[in-house]
């Protein structure tokens, strides 16, 4: 289930994202949020972020509290 509210995401948070090339699959990529790329407060496909390793995708899960 994608994380659709921008206020739940912040730099330094450990998350699992879906990369564009993996859309339609269950392949998730874990990493640390470096930047939040979605400007709107909500997005129905998930909030787009850039991880510290440079990968970009939409947040599907928060893997740390």
Protein backbone atom coordinates (compact mmCIF):
# COMPACT_ATOMS: atom_id res chain seq x y z
CA UNK A 1 0.00 0.00 0.00
CA UNK A 2 1.65 3.27 -1.06
CA UNK A 3 2.33 6.03 1.45
CA UNK A 4 0.20 8.85 0.02
CA UNK A 5 0.67 11.66 2.58
CA UNK A 6 3.78 13.81 2.22
CA UNK A 7 3.81 14.69 5.95
CA UNK A 8 4.66 11.03 6.79
CA UNK A 9 7.97 11.23 4.88
CA UNK A 10 11.15 13.10 5.85
CA UNK A 11 14.86 12.97 4.98
CA UNK A 12 16.69 10.27 6.91
CA UNK A 13 13.67 7.94 7.05
CA UNK A 14 14.24 4.32 5.97
CA UNK A 15 11.67 3.35 3.33
CA UNK A 16 10.89 0.83 0.60
CA UNK A 17 10.19 2.35 -2.81
CA UNK A 18 8.97 1.06 -6.15
CA UNK A 19 11.25 2.10 -8.99
CA UNK A 20 9.62 3.12 -12.27
CA UNK A 21 11.16 0.12 -14.06
CA UNK A 22 9.65 -2.20 -11.42
CA UNK A 23 6.11 -0.78 -11.52
CA UNK A 24 3.60 -3.60 -11.88
CA UNK A 25 5.83 -5.99 -9.93
CA UNK A 26 6.33 -6.59 -6.22
CA UNK A 27 10.05 -5.65 -6.36
CA UNK A 28 10.80 -3.00 -3.74
CA UNK A 29 14.06 -1.16 -3.14
CA UNK A 30 15.04 -0.15 0.39
CA UNK A 31 16.99 2.94 1.27
CA UNK A 32 17.20 6.21 3.16
CA UNK A 33 15.25 9.26 1.97
CA UNK A 34 17.54 12.08 0.80
CA UNK A 35 14.96 14.34 -0.90
CA UNK A 36 11.17 14.48 -1.22
CA UNK A 37 10.30 15.14 -4.87
CA UNK A 38 6.49 15.30 -4.62
CA UNK A 39 5.42 18.88 -3.92
CA UNK A 40 1.72 18.26 -3.29
CA UNK A 41 0.59 17.17 0.21
CA UNK A 42 -0.87 13.90 -1.18
CA UNK A 43 -0.37 11.69 -4.22
CA UNK A 44 -2.50 8.62 -4.92
CA UNK A 45 0.42 6.58 -6.36
CA UNK A 46 2.70 7.37 -3.42
CA UNK A 47 5.13 10.12 -2.53
CA UNK A 48 8.11 10.32 -4.91
CA UNK A 49 11.51 10.47 -3.20
CA UNK A 50 15.20 10.31 -4.04
CA UNK A 51 17.22 7.92 -1.89
CA UNK A 52 20.73 8.66 -0.63
CA UNK A 53 22.12 6.37 -3.37
CA UNK A 54 20.36 8.45 -6.06
CA UNK A 55 17.53 6.05 -6.93
CA UNK A 56 14.10 7.64 -7.43
CA UNK A 57 10.74 6.01 -6.77
CA UNK A 58 7.45 6.17 -4.93
CA UNK A 59 7.28 5.18 -1.26
CA UNK A 60 5.39 1.95 -0.69
CA UNK A 61 6.38 1.25 2.93
CA UNK A 62 8.10 2.90 5.85
CA UNK A 63 10.55 0.33 7.15
CA UNK A 64 11.58 2.20 10.32
CA UNK A 65 9.45 3.98 12.92
